[in-house]
Amino acid sequence: MKDFLKTKIFKVLLGMAVLMCAFMLHAAYTDGIAIFAQQVLGAVTYPFQKITSEISAGVTGLLQGHLRTEQLQEENEQLKEEIRQMQDQMIDYESLKNENQLYKKFLDIKEENPDFEFCPAMVIGRDANSQFGSFIIDKGTMQGVSKRDPVITSDGLVGVIEEVGLTYSRVITIYDPGLNVGTYVSRTRDTGIVVGSIDLAQEGQCKMTYLPRDSGAAIGDMILTSGGNVFPKGLKVGTIKEIRQEDHGVSLYAVVEPFADIYDTKDVFVITSFQGQGIAVDEDLMSETPAPDESASQQASEASSSEAGQ
C-alpha cells in the first residue's frame, strides 16, 4: 500500500480528485452545479437523441413518400380519365363532322334525284381475296337494303349489293367482270355496257363495250348510266381515257376511269328505291344486261355469217 501511494498513478488520481473537488466547490458557490449536471447529462444522452431523431425523420419521410405516391396515383388516374373523356369527345366530334359532310352530299344528290331513297353506309371491311375492290358495309335488311341495290358515292357509281345480311352487306364494284352496267356517252349518246376487266381493274379502270365502229366518242367524254331495273338513269360512272378496237374488229370499246375512288372509299349511299326499280327482274341475274347497240349487233352477226361461209 505504501508503495502505491508513492506511484505516479496515485499522484495523478489524487490531483484529479483535488481538481474535481475544487470545481464542485466552485460550482456550488456559483450555482453552476446544475449546469454541470445538465452538461454531463447532455453529453450522455446526445447520441441517443441524435439516433432517435434520425429514426423519426426516416419514418416520417417514408410515410410522406407513401402518401405522396398514393396522391400521385390518384392524380394519374384522374388525368387518364380526363384523357379518355377528351378522346371520346374527339371521336364524337369527328363522327358528327363526317355525318354532317355525308348528309350534305346526301342532300345534294337528293335534290338532283327526288325519286331516290337512300341509306347512308360506312365501309367496315375489304375483301382481301377480291382483286376487284369488293367490300363490306354496315347496313343490311334491317335498314332496308336489298340485293341488287345500286351503291354510289357523291362522285359516282361504285357497284351493287351482291350479298345482304341483317346488319351488313357485301358490295361488288364496277371493276368486277361479273357486273354489267348499261351506259351511254353523254356527248354522243352512243350506248354500251360498262364491265370490269382483270387487267384494267389493276389500274383502277373498267371498260365500256359495244361502242359502234363509227362512234364519235372521244377521250374526256363522260359516261352515265342509261337506266333499267337495277340502275337508275343518269348516274355518273366515269370518263373515257382511251378508245380501242375489240379483238373481233366489229365494234369499239372505251377504257373508263370511274369518278368514284372505289379502292379507297369510306362512305357510300345505297339507293334502296327509285322509279322503275325491280321491273322485269330476272332472278338469275346479278346485273342488268341491256341489249348492245343495234349496229354493233348487226355487224357482229354479219361477221359470224361470213366466217361460217368461209
Foldseek 3Di string as FASTA:
>chain_A
DVVVCPDPVVVVVVVVVVVVVVVVVVCVVVVCPVVVVVVVVCVVCVVVVVVVVVVVVVVVVVVVVVVVVVVVVVVVVVVVVVVVVVVVVVVVVVVVVVVVVQVVLVVVVCVVAVQWDKDKWWFDFWDPPDLQQKTKTFAFVCRLDDALFWKAGSQFGFATFHAGDHGMTIGGGQQAQQAWFWKAFPPQRAIFIWHHDNVLSNVQKTKTDQGAPPDPADFFTWMWGCDAQRDHTGTTFFTFHDKAADPLRLHIMTIGHGRDPRNDDTMMMTGSDGPNHPPPDDPVGSYDDDDHDPSSVVSVVVSVVVVVVD
